[in-house]
Amino acid sequence: MRPFYSLAENDPLLQKVTSQFYGLRLIGIPDLFEAICWGVIGQQINLSFARTLKRRFVETFGRHVNWNGEPYWIFPSPQVVAELTINDLTELQMSTRKGEYLIGVARLMAEGKLTKERLIGAGDYKEAEKALVKIRGIGPWTANYTLMFCLRMPTALPIDDVGLHNAMKHLLGFENKLLKQKS
């Protein structure tokens, strides 16, 4: 974090944010399947509904352990999700497309075609991102979400995230939507 804080000292926008949130770190999602599922489920919907869908998904297809009278849910495995039908997922109010994507990713992982080790072995961030976006249902946002939260790649950033754009717009005092510069 030291290099980031050194950079932030000389940036007026980052100075304010780093002083307000000094020491804050992203909570990671160590399991690749869970990270991709969270990314896919959260695509293009508001955070509140995404949380509802995630809870339904885990409580319907996961399992739990009880401790002190409270259930603690365990995320469903790729093998379990690979055996589901689209109807199983649409009953939770998931779209047909999201159901297809989740089952597709689960099958790739259950067959050993998609692994965390392969993504790490891709060599760098761009290669790992390319490998992920080749998978149906995973675009740049979900790929970067996964690389940031699961593989902890410091250069991964879901740059098209609406929440990120709104936060930047607010911090910069802009009234209009931010536009991504073409490279």
Foldseek 3Di string as FASTA:
>chain_A
DVVVVVVLVPPPLSVVVCVVQPPDDDAADAALLVLLLLLLLPPPDDPVVSVQLQVCQQVVQWAFDDDPRDTDTDRHALVSLLPDDLVVSVVSVGDSQSSVQSNQVSVCVVVVVDDPVVLVVLPALVSSLVVQCVRRSDDLQSSLSSCCRHVVHPVRDSVPDPVVQVVVCVSVVHDDTDDDDDD
